[in-house]
């Protein structure tokens, strides 16, 4: 059963005030993925404390940065259930978590900041992580061209250390 509207409205509004578009249905998610030229950010918003104290404030700080996604959207876990499920279907190879922040290009997951990365960082550290991801995967602000870099996965066992968490996208031959 979803959370009541009055309960999640203030948390949804925090992202709307940042210029982030709400996706309320599975069809909205599919249309955003299909209709976005460039980088699409999908925030999986949540009622939890780490969303309130870390993820949303960190995202707000990161969006003050020059490079940003071409389109910024959100779904709300526990409220927009169908939209959240559909968004997560695009995050192949990643366990569902909320809050989280994904960057997609042409429907392919390029970057994912998951809950376990958020829980161990401050809002400032999350902002720095997102700015790094925006620099790597988003428009440079001069002409909308993507940065010419591919996602890389750290090869050391310190994958869950407070460093960068870029996914290695694997394709089957």
C-alpha atoms as a PDB file:
ATOM      1  CA  UNK A   1       0.000   0.000   0.000  1.00  0.00           C
ATOM      2  CA  UNK A   2       1.500   3.359  -1.011  1.00  0.00           C
ATOM      3  CA  UNK A   3       2.211   6.171   1.406  1.00  0.00           C
ATOM      4  CA  UNK A   4      -0.534   8.824   1.611  1.00  0.00           C
ATOM      5  CA  UNK A   5      -0.085  11.917  -0.588  1.00  0.00           C
ATOM      6  CA  UNK A   6       0.060  14.360   2.333  1.00  0.00           C
ATOM      7  CA  UNK A   7       2.942  12.371   3.783  1.00  0.00           C
ATOM      8  CA  UNK A   8       5.202  12.432   0.706  1.00  0.00           C
ATOM      9  CA  UNK A   9       4.213  15.819  -0.771  1.00  0.00           C
ATOM     10  CA  UNK A  10       6.896  17.860   1.052  1.00  0.00           C
ATOM     11  CA  UNK A  11       9.620  15.389   0.054  1.00  0.00           C
ATOM     12  CA  UNK A  12       8.480  15.374  -3.575  1.00  0.00           C
ATOM     13  CA  UNK A  13       8.337  19.179  -3.599  1.00  0.00           C
ATOM     14  CA  UNK A  14      12.002  19.412  -2.560  1.00  0.00           C
ATOM     15  CA  UNK A  15      12.981  17.883  -5.906  1.00  0.00           C
ATOM     16  CA  UNK A  16      10.351  19.735  -7.940  1.00  0.00           C
ATOM     17  CA  UNK A  17      11.755  23.017  -6.621  1.00  0.00           C
ATOM     18  CA  UNK A  18      15.146  21.966  -8.020  1.00  0.00           C
ATOM     19  CA  UNK A  19      13.615  21.636 -11.487  1.00  0.00           C
ATOM     20  CA  UNK A  20      13.278  17.863 -11.346  1.00  0.00           C
ATOM     21  CA  UNK A  21      10.271  16.485 -13.200  1.00  0.00           C
ATOM     22  CA  UNK A  22       8.124  13.903 -11.441  1.00  0.00           C
ATOM     23  CA  UNK A  23       7.372  10.670 -13.268  1.00  0.00           C
ATOM     24  CA  UNK A  24       4.182   9.269 -11.767  1.00  0.00           C
ATOM     25  CA  UNK A  25       3.475   6.247 -13.988  1.00  0.00           C
ATOM     26  CA  UNK A  26       5.290   3.505 -15.878  1.00  0.00           C
ATOM     27  CA  UNK A  27       4.275   5.233 -19.120  1.00  0.00           C
ATOM     28  CA  UNK A  28       5.856   8.488 -17.889  1.00  0.00           C
ATOM     29  CA  UNK A  29       9.123   6.640 -17.224  1.00  0.00           C
ATOM     30  CA  UNK A  30       9.136   4.945 -20.637  1.00  0.00           C
ATOM     31  CA  UNK A  31       8.398   8.263 -22.359  1.00  0.00           C
ATOM     32  CA  UNK A  32      11.239   9.988 -20.481  1.00  0.00           C
ATOM     33  CA  UNK A  33      13.725   7.254 -21.366  1.00  0.00           C
ATOM     34  CA  UNK A  34      12.643   7.112 -25.024  1.00  0.00           C
ATOM     35  CA  UNK A  35      12.266  10.852 -25.412  1.00  0.00           C
ATOM     36  CA  UNK A  36      15.494  12.093 -23.881  1.00  0.00           C
ATOM     37  CA  UNK A  37      18.352  13.036 -26.113  1.00  0.00           C
ATOM     38  CA  UNK A  38      21.476  13.082 -23.993  1.00  0.00           C
ATOM     39  CA  UNK A  39      21.718  12.117 -20.350  1.00  0.00           C
ATOM     40  CA  UNK A  40      18.641  11.357 -18.266  1.00  0.00           C
ATOM     41  CA  UNK A  41      18.873  11.476 -14.482  1.00  0.00           C
ATOM     42  CA  UNK A  42      16.354   9.400 -12.544  1.00  0.00           C
ATOM     43  CA  UNK A  43      16.243   9.997  -8.799  1.00  0.00           C
ATOM     44  CA  UNK A  44      14.495   7.325  -6.754  1.00  0.00           C
ATOM     45  CA  UNK A  45      13.190   9.487  -3.932  1.00  0.00           C
ATOM     46  CA  UNK A  46      12.350   8.078  -0.506  1.00  0.00           C
ATOM     47  CA  UNK A  47      10.907   8.953   2.896  1.00  0.00           C
ATOM     48  CA  UNK A  48      13.952   7.634   4.768  1.00  0.00           C
ATOM     49  CA  UNK A  49      16.299   9.760   6.821  1.00  0.00           C
ATOM     50  CA  UNK A  50      19.254   9.366   4.467  1.00  0.00           C
ATOM     51  CA  UNK A  51      17.119  10.773   1.638  1.00  0.00           C
ATOM     52  CA  UNK A  52      16.123  13.755   3.772  1.00  0.00           C
ATOM     53  CA  UNK A  53      19.484  14.461   5.376  1.00  0.00           C
ATOM     54  CA  UNK A  54      21.923  13.373   2.679  1.00  0.00           C
ATOM     55  CA  UNK A  55      20.581  12.493  -0.784  1.00  0.00           C
ATOM     56  CA  UNK A  56      18.247  15.439  -1.493  1.00  0.00           C
ATOM     57  CA  UNK A  57      20.582  18.069   0.040  1.00  0.00           C
ATOM     58  CA  UNK A  58      23.561  16.536  -1.787  1.00  0.00           C
ATOM     59  CA  UNK A  59      21.665  16.569  -5.065  1.00  0.00           C
ATOM     60  CA  UNK A  60      20.686  20.216  -4.531  1.00  0.00           C
ATOM     61  CA  UNK A  61      24.345  21.132  -4.010  1.00  0.00           C
ATOM     62  CA  UNK A  62      25.450  19.114  -7.051  1.00  0.00           C
ATOM     63  CA  UNK A  63      22.933  20.836  -9.326  1.00  0.00           C
ATOM     64  CA  UNK A  64      24.657  24.168  -8.710  1.00  0.00           C
ATOM     65  CA  UNK A  65      27.506  22.729 -10.798  1.00  0.00           C
ATOM     66  CA  UNK A  66      28.063  23.634 -14.458  1.00  0.00           C
ATOM     67  CA  UNK A  67      27.584  20.193 -16.018  1.00  0.00           C
ATOM     68  CA  UNK A  68      24.173  18.650 -15.408  1.00  0.00           C
ATOM     69  CA  UNK A  69      21.966  15.990 -16.932  1.00  0.00           C
ATOM     70  CA  UNK A  70      20.019  17.021 -20.028  1.00  0.00           C
ATOM     71  CA  UNK A  71      16.788  15.929 -18.335  1.00  0.00           C
ATOM     72  CA  UNK A  72      16.201  15.464 -14.612  1.00  0.00           C
ATOM     73  CA  UNK A  73      13.396  13.253 -13.316  1.00  0.00           C
ATOM     74  CA  UNK A  74      12.292  11.440 -10.182  1.00  0.00           C
ATOM     75  CA  UNK A  75      10.078   8.616  -9.040  1.00  0.00           C
ATOM     76  CA  UNK A  76       8.991   8.087  -5.449  1.00  0.00           C
ATOM     77  CA  UNK A  77       9.587   4.666  -3.896  1.00  0.00           C
ATOM     78  CA  UNK A  78       6.621   3.554  -1.809  1.00  0.00           C
ATOM     79  CA  UNK A  79       4.289   6.025  -3.491  1.00  0.00           C
ATOM     80  CA  UNK A  80       4.548   5.927  -7.291  1.00  0.00           C
ATOM     81  CA  UNK A  81       4.942   2.153  -7.203  1.00  0.00           C
ATOM     82  CA  UNK A  82       4.488   1.412 -10.940  1.00  0.00           C
ATOM     83  CA  UNK A  83       6.756   4.281 -11.965  1.00  0.00           C
ATOM     84  CA  UNK A  84       9.432   3.180  -9.495  1.00  0.00           C
ATOM     85  CA  UNK A  85       9.264  -0.435 -10.667  1.00  0.00           C
ATOM     86  CA  UNK A  86       9.572   0.651 -14.295  1.00  0.00           C
ATOM     87  CA  UNK A  87      12.489   2.992 -13.563  1.00  0.00           C
ATOM     88  CA  UNK A  88      14.293   0.191 -11.735  1.00  0.00           C
ATOM     89  CA  UNK A  89      13.807  -2.074 -14.761  1.00  0.00           C
ATOM     90  CA  UNK A  90      16.241   0.224 -16.608  1.00  0.00           C
ATOM     91  CA  UNK A  91      18.849  -0.169 -13.850  1.00  0.00           C
ATOM     92  CA  UNK A  92      19.979  -3.603 -15.054  1.00  0.00           C
ATOM     93  CA  UNK A  93      22.420  -5.375 -12.789  1.00  0.00           C
ATOM     94  CA  UNK A  94      21.665  -3.143  -9.790  1.00  0.00           C
ATOM     95  CA  UNK A  95      19.587  -4.235  -6.816  1.00  0.00           C
ATOM     96  CA  UNK A  96      16.629  -1.958  -6.021  1.00  0.00           C
ATOM     97  CA  UNK A  97      17.490   0.695  -3.469  1.00  0.00           C
ATOM     98  CA  UNK A  98      16.136   4.016  -2.377  1.00  0.00           C
ATOM     99  CA  UNK A  99      17.181   6.664  -2.348  1.00  0.00           C
ATOM    100  CA  UNK A 100      19.352   6.348  -5.423  1.00  0.00           C
ATOM    101  CA  UNK A 101      20.431   8.402  -8.434  1.00  0.00           C
ATOM    102  CA  UNK A 102      20.853   6.946 -11.920  1.00  0.00           C
ATOM    103  CA  UNK A 103      22.209   8.439 -15.126  1.00  0.00           C
ATOM    104  CA  UNK A 104      21.035   6.861 -18.376  1.00  0.00           C
ATOM    105  CA  UNK A 105      22.013   7.491 -21.980  1.00  0.00           C
ATOM    106  CA  UNK A 106      19.849   6.021 -24.736  1.00  0.00           C
ATOM    107  CA  UNK A 107      18.132   3.842 -22.137  1.00  0.00           C
ATOM    108  CA  UNK A 108      21.417   2.366 -20.916  1.00  0.00           C
ATOM    109  CA  UNK A 109      22.568   2.753 -17.333  1.00  0.00           C
ATOM    110  CA  UNK A 110      25.816   4.720 -17.230  1.00  0.00           C
ATOM    111  CA  UNK A 111      26.084   5.540 -13.515  1.00  0.00           C
ATOM    112  CA  UNK A 112      24.327   4.623 -10.279  1.00  0.00           C
ATOM    113  CA  UNK A 113      24.637   6.072  -6.796  1.00  0.00           C
ATOM    114  CA  UNK A 114      22.962   3.542  -4.527  1.00  0.00           C
ATOM    115  CA  UNK A 115      21.617   3.768  -0.999  1.00  0.00           C
ATOM    116  CA  UNK A 116      24.650   2.026   0.509  1.00  0.00           C
ATOM    117  CA  UNK A 117      26.845   4.733  -1.067  1.00  0.00           C
ATOM    118  CA  UNK A 118      24.567   7.476   0.263  1.00  0.00           C
ATOM    119  CA  UNK A 119      24.288   6.186   3.830  1.00  0.00           C
ATOM    120  CA  UNK A 120      28.025   6.503   4.492  1.00  0.00           C
ATOM    121  CA  UNK A 121      28.486  10.007   3.079  1.00  0.00           C
ATOM    122  CA  UNK A 122      27.554  13.538   4.030  1.00  0.00           C
ATOM    123  CA  UNK A 123      25.525  15.773   1.730  1.00  0.00           C
ATOM    124  CA  UNK A 124      28.754  17.523   0.688  1.00  0.00           C
ATOM    125  CA  UNK A 125      30.396  14.202  -0.200  1.00  0.00           C
ATOM    126  CA  UNK A 126      27.334  13.122  -2.179  1.00  0.00           C
ATOM    127  CA  UNK A 127      27.395  16.438  -4.034  1.00  0.00           C
ATOM    128  CA  UNK A 128      31.066  15.901  -4.908  1.00  0.00           C
ATOM    129  CA  UNK A 129      30.325  12.364  -6.135  1.00  0.00           C
ATOM    130  CA  UNK A 130      27.417  13.564  -8.282  1.00  0.00           C
ATOM    131  CA  UNK A 131      29.434  16.482  -9.693  1.00  0.00           C
ATOM    132  CA  UNK A 132      32.097  13.993 -10.736  1.00  0.00           C
ATOM    133  CA  UNK A 133      29.461  11.844 -12.440  1.00  0.00           C
ATOM    134  CA  UNK A 134      27.938  14.906 -14.139  1.00  0.00           C
ATOM    135  CA  UNK A 135      31.386  15.905 -15.418  1.00  0.00           C
ATOM    136  CA  UNK A 136      31.939  12.432 -16.795  1.00  0.00           C
ATOM    137  CA  UNK A 137      28.537  11.659 -18.307  1.00  0.00           C
ATOM    138  CA  UNK A 138      26.601  14.897 -18.824  1.00  0.00           C
ATOM    139  CA  UNK A 139      26.547  17.918 -21.078  1.00  0.00           C
ATOM    140  CA  UNK A 140      29.470  20.234 -20.629  1.00  0.00           C
ATOM    141  CA  UNK A 141      27.304  23.323 -20.770  1.00  0.00           C
ATOM    142  CA  UNK A 142      28.824  24.637 -24.016  1.00  0.00           C
ATOM    143  CA  UNK A 143      26.873  22.758 -26.616  1.00  0.00           C
ATOM    144  CA  UNK A 144      25.246  19.762 -25.083  1.00  0.00           C
ATOM    145  CA  UNK A 145      27.911  17.319 -26.232  1.00  0.00           C
ATOM    146  CA  UNK A 146      28.644  14.400 -23.973  1.00  0.00           C
ATOM    147  CA  UNK A 147      32.000  13.974 -22.362  1.00  0.00           C
ATOM    148  CA  UNK A 148      33.986  11.399 -24.398  1.00  0.00           C
ATOM    149  CA  UNK A 149      34.522   8.922 -21.558  1.00  0.00           C
ATOM    150  CA  UNK A 150      33.149   5.460 -20.792  1.00  0.00           C
ATOM    151  CA  UNK A 151      32.159   4.197 -17.356  1.00  0.00           C
ATOM    152  CA  UNK A 152      34.823   2.245 -15.576  1.00  0.00           C
ATOM    153  CA  UNK A 153      34.607   0.011 -12.567  1.00  0.00           C
ATOM    154  CA  UNK A 154      37.226   0.174  -9.852  1.00  0.00           C
ATOM    155  CA  UNK A 155      39.284  -3.000  -9.923  1.00  0.00           C
ATOM    156  CA  UNK A 156      40.305  -2.959  -6.285  1.00  0.00           C
ATOM    157  CA  UNK A 157      38.378  -4.492  -3.374  1.00  0.00           C
ATOM    158  CA  UNK A 158      37.781  -0.953  -2.075  1.00  0.00           C
ATOM    159  CA  UNK A 159      34.719  -0.709  -4.337  1.00  0.00           C
ATOM    160  CA  UNK A 160      32.551   0.348  -1.404  1.00  0.00           C
ATOM    161  CA  UNK A 161      35.050   2.859  -0.062  1.00  0.00           C
ATOM    162  CA  UNK A 162      34.110   6.548  -0.167  1.00  0.00           C
ATOM    163  CA  UNK A 163      35.471   6.894  -3.706  1.00  0.00           C
ATOM    164  CA  UNK A 164      33.799   7.052  -7.046  1.00  0.00           C
ATOM    165  CA  UNK A 165      31.255   4.369  -7.938  1.00  0.00           C
ATOM    166  CA  UNK A 166      31.023   4.110 -11.699  1.00  0.00           C
ATOM    167  CA  UNK A 167      29.472   1.008 -13.179  1.00  0.00           C
ATOM    168  CA  UNK A 168      31.140  -1.082 -15.805  1.00  0.00           C
ATOM    169  CA  UNK A 169      28.460  -1.756 -18.372  1.00  0.00           C
ATOM    170  CA  UNK A 170      28.903  -5.216 -19.832  1.00  0.00           C
ATOM    171  CA  UNK A 171      27.512  -6.311 -23.164  1.00  0.00           C
ATOM    172  CA  UNK A 172      27.046  -9.816 -24.457  1.00  0.00           C
ATOM    173  CA  UNK A 173      28.589 -10.764 -27.771  1.00  0.00           C
END
